[in-house]
Amino acid sequence: MADSRLEDPSDSADAAETPQQMVYRRAPKIGPFLATGAVLGFVIACFIVPLMGPIEGYSQSQTLGFMAAIFAIVGLAVASLVWLLMDRRSKRSTETLYARRTEDPSAADVVLTEDDYSEWTLSQQRLRADEAYRARQAEAKAAGKTKKSSNRK
């Protein structure tokens, strides 16, 4: 089988290249959302200030600068909320894949670049290290509790 999604990883033809389990999720990137929100806030300020006119005691450009900053911050907040909703929604479409290298990308269900694969590998290593650390902490805590209880007797 040359595809990247296998039903049973034990039935692979090449035992040397065993498939790796990957969690695949298409998540939105926050950078474009924040940039769009800030730019949209600035554009709205550029339309509102000429219609409203300058604030008394300030020039048109000072009013534009003040309003642009306020609208850009509001745009950032709204964009971050939209991103958060879309990110939460994308967690529903998470799927587990079994991946292995293939020379023919057209035969694969999902094609990953080397950057995507190395980023995934690093995140998996971090997850395993965090799980091992938590397990060691739990064992140390349990050992400390048993030591305290034995000292009390």
N, C-alpha and C. Protein backbone atom coordinates (compact mmCIF):
# COMPACT_ATOMS: atom_id res chain seq x y z
N MET A 1 0.84 -1.18 0.00
CA MET A 1 0.00 0.00 0.00
C MET A 1 0.88 1.24 0.00
N ALA A 2 0.61 2.17 -0.87
CA ALA A 2 1.44 3.36 -0.97
C ALA A 2 0.76 4.58 -0.36
N ASP A 3 -0.47 4.43 0.15
CA ASP A 3 -1.13 5.60 0.70
C ASP A 3 -0.68 5.86 2.13
N SER A 4 -0.99 7.05 2.64
CA SER A 4 -0.52 7.44 3.96
C SER A 4 -1.50 7.07 5.05
N ARG A 5 -2.70 6.69 4.71
CA ARG A 5 -3.69 6.31 5.71
C ARG A 5 -3.89 4.81 5.65
N LEU A 6 -3.46 4.13 6.67
CA LEU A 6 -3.55 2.68 6.71
C LEU A 6 -4.53 2.28 7.80
N GLU A 7 -5.28 1.23 7.55
CA GLU A 7 -6.23 0.75 8.54
C GLU A 7 -5.51 0.05 9.68
N ASP A 8 -4.53 -0.77 9.35
CA ASP A 8 -3.82 -1.52 10.36
C ASP A 8 -2.33 -1.36 10.11
N PRO A 9 -1.60 -0.68 10.99
CA PRO A 9 -0.18 -0.46 10.74
C PRO A 9 0.65 -1.74 10.78
N SER A 10 0.13 -2.82 11.34
CA SER A 10 0.91 -4.05 11.43
C SER A 10 0.98 -4.80 10.11
N ASP A 11 0.08 -4.50 9.16
CA ASP A 11 0.09 -5.25 7.90
C ASP A 11 0.87 -4.52 6.80
N SER A 12 1.80 -3.63 7.17
CA SER A 12 2.57 -2.92 6.15
C SER A 12 3.55 -3.88 5.48
N ALA A 13 3.76 -3.66 4.20
CA ALA A 13 4.61 -4.56 3.43
C ALA A 13 6.08 -4.40 3.81
N ASP A 14 6.48 -3.19 4.10
CA ASP A 14 7.88 -2.91 4.42
C ASP A 14 7.99 -2.66 5.92
N ALA A 15 8.52 -3.60 6.67
CA ALA A 15 8.60 -3.47 8.12
C ALA A 15 9.62 -2.41 8.53
N ALA A 16 10.59 -2.12 7.68
CA ALA A 16 11.60 -1.12 8.01
C ALA A 16 11.00 0.27 8.07
N GLU A 17 10.02 0.54 7.23
CA GLU A 17 9.37 1.84 7.21
C GLU A 17 7.98 1.71 7.82
N THR A 18 7.92 1.50 9.10
CA THR A 18 6.63 1.39 9.75
C THR A 18 5.95 2.74 9.78
N PRO A 19 4.66 2.79 9.58
CA PRO A 19 3.93 4.06 9.58
C PRO A 19 3.92 4.69 10.97
N GLN A 20 3.91 6.00 11.00
CA GLN A 20 3.82 6.73 12.25
C GLN A 20 2.41 7.29 12.38
N GLN A 21 1.91 7.23 13.58
CA GLN A 21 0.57 7.76 13.83
C GLN A 21 0.65 9.27 13.95
N MET A 22 -0.21 9.98 13.23
CA MET A 22 -0.23 11.43 13.23
C MET A 22 -1.65 11.91 13.51
N VAL A 23 -1.76 12.99 14.25
CA VAL A 23 -3.05 13.64 14.46
C VAL A 23 -3.09 14.82 13.51
N TYR A 24 -4.07 14.82 12.63
CA TYR A 24 -4.16 15.82 11.57
C TYR A 24 -5.36 16.73 11.82
N ARG A 25 -5.09 18.05 11.85
CA ARG A 25 -6.17 19.01 12.04
C ARG A 25 -5.81 20.27 11.25
N ARG A 26 -6.77 20.75 10.50
CA ARG A 26 -6.58 21.99 9.75
C ARG A 26 -7.01 23.15 10.63
N ALA A 27 -6.05 23.81 11.23
CA ALA A 27 -6.34 24.91 12.14
C ALA A 27 -6.03 26.24 11.45
N PRO A 28 -6.82 27.26 11.73
CA PRO A 28 -6.54 28.57 11.14
C PRO A 28 -5.32 29.20 11.80
N LYS A 29 -4.60 30.01 11.05
CA LYS A 29 -3.44 30.71 11.59
C LYS A 29 -3.90 32.05 12.15
N ILE A 30 -3.38 32.42 13.30
CA ILE A 30 -3.86 33.61 13.98
C ILE A 30 -3.33 34.91 13.35
N GLY A 31 -2.14 34.86 12.78
CA GLY A 31 -1.52 36.07 12.21
C GLY A 31 -2.38 36.77 11.16
N PRO A 32 -2.85 36.05 10.15
CA PRO A 32 -3.68 36.71 9.14
C PRO A 32 -4.99 37.27 9.71
N PHE A 33 -5.55 36.60 10.71
CA PHE A 33 -6.77 37.12 11.33
C PHE A 33 -6.51 38.44 12.03
N LEU A 34 -5.42 38.50 12.81
CA LEU A 34 -5.12 39.73 13.55
C LEU A 34 -4.76 40.87 12.60
N ALA A 35 -3.99 40.57 11.57
CA ALA A 35 -3.63 41.62 10.61
C ALA A 35 -4.86 42.15 9.90
N THR A 36 -5.75 41.25 9.50
CA THR A 36 -6.98 41.68 8.82
C THR A 36 -7.85 42.52 9.74
N GLY A 37 -7.96 42.13 11.00
CA GLY A 37 -8.76 42.90 11.96
C GLY A 37 -8.21 44.30 12.17
N ALA A 38 -6.89 44.41 12.30
CA ALA A 38 -6.28 45.73 12.52
C ALA A 38 -6.44 46.61 11.28
N VAL A 39 -6.21 46.05 10.11
CA VAL A 39 -6.34 46.83 8.87
C VAL A 39 -7.79 47.25 8.65
N LEU A 40 -8.71 46.34 8.91
CA LEU A 40 -10.12 46.67 8.75
C LEU A 40 -10.53 47.78 9.72
N GLY A 41 -10.04 47.72 10.96
CA GLY A 41 -10.31 48.80 11.92
C GLY A 41 -9.77 50.13 11.44
N PHE A 42 -8.57 50.13 10.88
CA PHE A 42 -7.98 51.37 10.36
C PHE A 42 -8.80 51.92 9.19
N VAL A 43 -9.23 51.04 8.28
CA VAL A 43 -10.02 51.47 7.13
C VAL A 43 -11.35 52.07 7.58
N ILE A 44 -11.98 51.46 8.56
CA ILE A 44 -13.24 51.99 9.08
C ILE A 44 -13.02 53.36 9.69
N ALA A 45 -11.92 53.54 10.41
CA ALA A 45 -11.60 54.85 10.98
C ALA A 45 -11.39 55.88 9.88
N CYS A 46 -10.77 55.47 8.78
CA CYS A 46 -10.53 56.40 7.66
C CYS A 46 -11.84 56.85 7.02
N PHE A 47 -12.89 56.06 7.11
CA PHE A 47 -14.19 56.46 6.57
C PHE A 47 -15.00 57.27 7.57
N ILE A 48 -14.90 56.93 8.84
CA ILE A 48 -15.73 57.59 9.85
C ILE A 48 -15.24 59.00 10.17
N VAL A 49 -13.94 59.21 10.28
CA VAL A 49 -13.40 60.51 10.69
C VAL A 49 -13.78 61.63 9.71
N PRO A 50 -13.68 61.45 8.40
CA PRO A 50 -14.11 62.53 7.50
C PRO A 50 -15.62 62.82 7.60
N LEU A 51 -16.42 61.78 7.85
CA LEU A 51 -17.86 62.01 7.99
C LEU A 51 -18.18 62.73 9.30
N MET A 52 -17.47 62.38 10.35
CA MET A 52 -17.71 62.94 11.67
C MET A 52 -17.06 64.31 11.82
N GLY A 53 -15.96 64.51 11.17
CA GLY A 53 -15.22 65.76 11.30
C GLY A 53 -14.25 65.67 12.46
N PRO A 54 -13.32 66.64 12.57
CA PRO A 54 -12.33 66.58 13.65
C PRO A 54 -12.98 66.86 15.01
N ILE A 55 -12.40 66.30 16.04
CA ILE A 55 -12.85 66.56 17.40
C ILE A 55 -12.40 67.97 17.77
N GLU A 56 -13.22 68.66 18.52
CA GLU A 56 -12.93 70.05 18.87
C GLU A 56 -11.59 70.16 19.60
N GLY A 57 -10.72 71.02 19.12
CA GLY A 57 -9.41 71.23 19.72
C GLY A 57 -8.32 70.38 19.10
N TYR A 58 -8.66 69.49 18.19
CA TYR A 58 -7.67 68.62 17.54
C TYR A 58 -7.81 68.74 16.02
N SER A 59 -6.70 68.50 15.32
CA SER A 59 -6.74 68.56 13.86
C SER A 59 -7.35 67.27 13.31
N GLN A 60 -7.62 67.28 12.02
CA GLN A 60 -8.19 66.10 11.35
C GLN A 60 -7.24 64.90 11.43
N SER A 61 -5.94 65.15 11.25
CA SER A 61 -4.98 64.04 11.28
C SER A 61 -4.82 63.49 12.71
N GLN A 62 -4.88 64.36 13.72
CA GLN A 62 -4.80 63.88 15.10
C GLN A 62 -6.02 63.02 15.44
N THR A 63 -7.18 63.48 15.00
CA THR A 63 -8.41 62.72 15.23
C THR A 63 -8.34 61.38 14.51
N LEU A 64 -7.85 61.39 13.27
CA LEU A 64 -7.71 60.14 12.52
C LEU A 64 -6.76 59.18 13.23
N GLY A 65 -5.65 59.68 13.71
CA GLY A 65 -4.69 58.81 14.41
C GLY A 65 -5.29 58.19 15.66
N PHE A 66 -6.00 58.99 16.44
CA PHE A 66 -6.63 58.50 17.66
C PHE A 66 -7.70 57.46 17.35
N MET A 67 -8.57 57.80 16.42
CA MET A 67 -9.65 56.87 16.06
C MET A 67 -9.11 55.61 15.39
N ALA A 68 -8.06 55.75 14.58
CA ALA A 68 -7.47 54.58 13.92
C ALA A 68 -6.92 53.62 14.96
N ALA A 69 -6.27 54.15 16.00
CA ALA A 69 -5.73 53.29 17.05
C ALA A 69 -6.87 52.56 17.78
N ILE A 70 -7.93 53.29 18.10
CA ILE A 70 -9.06 52.67 18.81
C ILE A 70 -9.73 51.61 17.95
N PHE A 71 -10.00 51.93 16.69
CA PHE A 71 -10.67 50.98 15.81
C PHE A 71 -9.78 49.78 15.48
N ALA A 72 -8.46 50.00 15.41
CA ALA A 72 -7.55 48.88 15.15
C ALA A 72 -7.55 47.91 16.34
N ILE A 73 -7.59 48.45 17.55
CA ILE A 73 -7.63 47.58 18.74
C ILE A 73 -8.95 46.81 18.78
N VAL A 74 -10.05 47.48 18.47
CA VAL A 74 -11.35 46.79 18.43
C VAL A 74 -11.34 45.73 17.33
N GLY A 75 -10.75 46.05 16.18
CA GLY A 75 -10.64 45.08 15.09
C GLY A 75 -9.81 43.87 15.49
N LEU A 76 -8.72 44.10 16.23
CA LEU A 76 -7.91 42.99 16.73
C LEU A 76 -8.72 42.10 17.66
N ALA A 77 -9.50 42.71 18.55
CA ALA A 77 -10.29 41.93 19.49
C ALA A 77 -11.35 41.09 18.77
N VAL A 78 -12.04 41.70 17.83
CA VAL A 78 -13.07 40.97 17.08
C VAL A 78 -12.44 39.85 16.25
N ALA A 79 -11.31 40.15 15.61
CA ALA A 79 -10.64 39.13 14.80
C ALA A 79 -10.15 37.98 15.65
N SER A 80 -9.65 38.27 16.85
CA SER A 80 -9.18 37.19 17.72
C SER A 80 -10.34 36.32 18.19
N LEU A 81 -11.51 36.91 18.42
CA LEU A 81 -12.68 36.12 18.79
C LEU A 81 -13.14 35.22 17.64
N VAL A 82 -13.12 35.77 16.43
CA VAL A 82 -13.48 34.97 15.25
C VAL A 82 -12.49 33.83 15.07
N TRP A 83 -11.19 34.12 15.24
CA TRP A 83 -10.19 33.07 15.13
C TRP A 83 -10.41 32.00 16.19
N LEU A 84 -10.71 32.42 17.42
CA LEU A 84 -10.92 31.46 18.50
C LEU A 84 -12.10 30.54 18.19
N LEU A 85 -13.19 31.10 17.67
CA LEU A 85 -14.35 30.28 17.30
C LEU A 85 -14.01 29.30 16.18
N MET A 86 -13.28 29.77 15.19
CA MET A 86 -12.90 28.88 14.08
C MET A 86 -11.91 27.81 14.53
N ASP A 87 -11.01 28.15 15.44
CA ASP A 87 -10.06 27.18 15.95
C ASP A 87 -10.78 26.10 16.75
N ARG A 88 -11.72 26.50 17.59
CA ARG A 88 -12.50 25.52 18.35
C ARG A 88 -13.30 24.62 17.42
N ARG A 89 -13.84 25.20 16.36
CA ARG A 89 -14.63 24.42 15.41
C ARG A 89 -13.75 23.43 14.65
N SER A 90 -12.50 23.83 14.37
CA SER A 90 -11.62 22.94 13.61
C SER A 90 -11.19 21.73 14.44
N LYS A 91 -11.30 21.80 15.76
CA LYS A 91 -10.93 20.65 16.59
C LYS A 91 -11.88 19.49 16.40
N ARG A 92 -13.08 19.77 15.92
CA ARG A 92 -14.05 18.69 15.66
C ARG A 92 -13.63 17.82 14.50
N SER A 93 -12.88 18.38 13.57
CA SER A 93 -12.52 17.62 12.37
C SER A 93 -11.12 17.01 12.48
N THR A 94 -10.69 16.72 13.69
CA THR A 94 -9.40 16.08 13.90
C THR A 94 -9.49 14.62 13.49
N GLU A 95 -8.48 14.16 12.79
CA GLU A 95 -8.44 12.75 12.41
C GLU A 95 -7.04 12.20 12.64
N THR A 96 -6.99 10.92 12.92
CA THR A 96 -5.73 10.24 13.14
C THR A 96 -5.34 9.52 11.86
N LEU A 97 -4.12 9.77 11.43
CA LEU A 97 -3.61 9.17 10.20
C LEU A 97 -2.38 8.34 10.51
N TYR A 98 -2.09 7.40 9.65
CA TYR A 98 -0.84 6.67 9.72
C TYR A 98 -0.04 7.08 8.50
N ALA A 99 1.14 7.64 8.75
CA ALA A 99 1.93 8.21 7.65
C ALA A 99 3.24 7.46 7.48
N ARG A 100 3.65 7.39 6.24
CA ARG A 100 4.97 6.87 5.91
C ARG A 100 5.39 7.53 4.61
N ARG A 101 6.68 7.49 4.36
CA ARG A 101 7.22 8.12 3.15
C ARG A 101 6.81 7.34 1.91
N THR A 102 6.59 8.08 0.86
CA THR A 102 6.31 7.48 -0.44
C THR A 102 6.98 8.33 -1.51
N GLU A 103 7.41 7.72 -2.56
CA GLU A 103 8.05 8.44 -3.66
C GLU A 103 7.01 9.02 -4.62
N ASP A 104 5.78 8.53 -4.55
CA ASP A 104 4.72 8.96 -5.45
C ASP A 104 3.65 9.72 -4.66
N PRO A 105 3.72 11.07 -4.60
CA PRO A 105 2.74 11.83 -3.82
C PRO A 105 1.31 11.67 -4.31
N SER A 106 1.11 11.34 -5.57
CA SER A 106 -0.25 11.17 -6.07
C SER A 106 -0.93 9.93 -5.50
N ALA A 107 -0.15 8.99 -4.99
CA ALA A 107 -0.72 7.78 -4.40
C ALA A 107 -1.10 7.98 -2.94
N ALA A 108 -0.72 9.11 -2.36
CA ALA A 108 -0.98 9.36 -0.94
C ALA A 108 -2.32 10.07 -0.75
N ASP A 109 -2.93 9.85 0.40
CA ASP A 109 -4.17 10.55 0.73
C ASP A 109 -3.88 11.99 1.12
N VAL A 110 -2.82 12.21 1.87
CA VAL A 110 -2.43 13.54 2.34
C VAL A 110 -0.94 13.70 2.05
N VAL A 111 -0.58 14.83 1.47
CA VAL A 111 0.82 15.09 1.16
C VAL A 111 1.32 16.16 2.13
N LEU A 112 2.41 15.86 2.83
CA LEU A 112 3.02 16.79 3.76
C LEU A 112 4.37 17.23 3.23
N THR A 113 4.70 18.47 3.49
CA THR A 113 6.04 18.94 3.14
C THR A 113 6.99 18.53 4.25
N GLU A 114 8.28 18.66 4.00
CA GLU A 114 9.28 18.32 5.03
C GLU A 114 9.10 19.22 6.25
N ASP A 115 8.75 20.51 6.03
CA ASP A 115 8.55 21.42 7.16
C ASP A 115 7.37 20.98 8.02
N ASP A 116 6.26 20.59 7.38
CA ASP A 116 5.11 20.12 8.13
C ASP A 116 5.47 18.88 8.94
N TYR A 117 6.19 17.97 8.32
CA TYR A 117 6.54 16.73 8.99
C TYR A 117 7.49 16.97 10.16
N SER A 118 8.48 17.84 9.96
CA SER A 118 9.42 18.11 11.05
C SER A 118 8.74 18.87 12.18
N GLU A 119 7.81 19.78 11.85
CA GLU A 119 7.06 20.48 12.88
C GLU A 119 6.20 19.49 13.68
N TRP A 120 5.57 18.56 12.98
CA TRP A 120 4.77 17.55 13.66
C TRP A 120 5.65 16.69 14.56
N THR A 121 6.82 16.29 14.06
CA THR A 121 7.72 15.46 14.84
C THR A 121 8.14 16.17 16.12
N LEU A 122 8.47 17.45 16.02
CA LEU A 122 8.86 18.21 17.21
C LEU A 122 7.71 18.30 18.21
N SER A 123 6.51 18.54 17.73
CA SER A 123 5.37 18.64 18.65
C SER A 123 5.10 17.31 19.32
N GLN A 124 5.26 16.20 18.59
CA GLN A 124 5.06 14.88 19.18
C GLN A 124 6.13 14.59 20.23
N GLN A 125 7.37 15.01 19.98
CA GLN A 125 8.43 14.81 20.96
C GLN A 125 8.14 15.63 22.23
N ARG A 126 7.66 16.86 22.05
CA ARG A 126 7.31 17.69 23.21
C ARG A 126 6.18 17.06 24.00
N LEU A 127 5.16 16.54 23.31
CA LEU A 127 4.06 15.88 24.00
C LEU A 127 4.52 14.68 24.81
N ARG A 128 5.38 13.85 24.20
CA ARG A 128 5.89 12.68 24.91
C ARG A 128 6.73 13.09 26.12
N ALA A 129 7.55 14.13 25.96
CA ALA A 129 8.38 14.60 27.08
C ALA A 129 7.50 15.15 28.20
N ASP A 130 6.45 15.90 27.84
CA ASP A 130 5.53 16.42 28.85
C ASP A 130 4.81 15.30 29.59
N GLU A 131 4.37 14.28 28.86
CA GLU A 131 3.69 13.14 29.49
C GLU A 131 4.64 12.40 30.43
N ALA A 132 5.88 12.21 30.02
CA ALA A 132 6.86 11.54 30.87
C ALA A 132 7.14 12.36 32.12
N TYR A 133 7.24 13.68 31.97
CA TYR A 133 7.48 14.56 33.11
C TYR A 133 6.32 14.49 34.10
N ARG A 134 5.08 14.54 33.59
CA ARG A 134 3.92 14.45 34.46
C ARG A 134 3.86 13.10 35.18
N ALA A 135 4.23 12.04 34.49
CA ALA A 135 4.24 10.71 35.11
C ALA A 135 5.28 10.66 36.23
N ARG A 136 6.48 11.22 35.99
CA ARG A 136 7.50 11.25 37.03
C ARG A 136 7.06 12.08 38.22
N GLN A 137 6.40 13.22 37.95
CA GLN A 137 5.91 14.07 39.04
C GLN A 137 4.86 13.33 39.86
N ALA A 138 3.96 12.62 39.21
CA ALA A 138 2.92 11.88 39.92
C ALA A 138 3.53 10.76 40.76
N GLU A 139 4.53 10.08 40.21
CA GLU A 139 5.21 9.02 40.97
C GLU A 139 5.92 9.59 42.18
N ALA A 140 6.60 10.72 42.01
CA ALA A 140 7.31 11.35 43.12
C ALA A 140 6.33 11.82 44.20
N LYS A 141 5.20 12.35 43.77
CA LYS A 141 4.19 12.79 44.73
C LYS A 141 3.62 11.61 45.50
N ALA A 142 3.34 10.51 44.80
CA ALA A 142 2.82 9.31 45.45
C ALA A 142 3.86 8.73 46.41
N ALA A 143 5.12 8.72 45.99
CA ALA A 143 6.18 8.21 46.86
C ALA A 143 6.33 9.09 48.10
N GLY A 144 6.21 10.39 47.94
CA GLY A 144 6.29 11.32 49.07
C GLY A 144 5.14 11.12 50.05
N LYS A 145 3.95 10.86 49.54
CA LYS A 145 2.80 10.63 50.41
C LYS A 145 2.96 9.34 51.20
N THR A 146 3.46 8.27 50.54
CA THR A 146 3.64 7.00 51.25
C THR A 146 4.75 7.12 52.28
N LYS A 147 5.77 7.90 51.99
CA LYS A 147 6.86 8.12 52.93
C LYS A 147 6.37 8.89 54.15
N LYS A 148 5.54 9.92 53.93
CA LYS A 148 4.97 10.70 55.04
C LYS A 148 4.08 9.83 55.91
N SER A 149 3.24 9.03 55.28
CA SER A 149 2.31 8.19 56.05
C SER A 149 3.06 7.11 56.83
N SER A 150 4.17 6.60 56.30
CA SER A 150 4.93 5.59 57.03
C SER A 150 5.70 6.23 58.19
N ASN A 151 6.12 7.50 58.05
CA ASN A 151 6.82 8.20 59.12
C ASN A 151 5.89 8.54 60.28
N ARG A 152 4.63 8.75 60.01
CA ARG A 152 3.66 9.12 61.04
C ARG A 152 3.34 7.94 61.96
N LYS A 153 3.46 6.74 61.45
CA LYS A 153 3.10 5.55 62.24
C LYS A 153 4.13 5.23 63.22
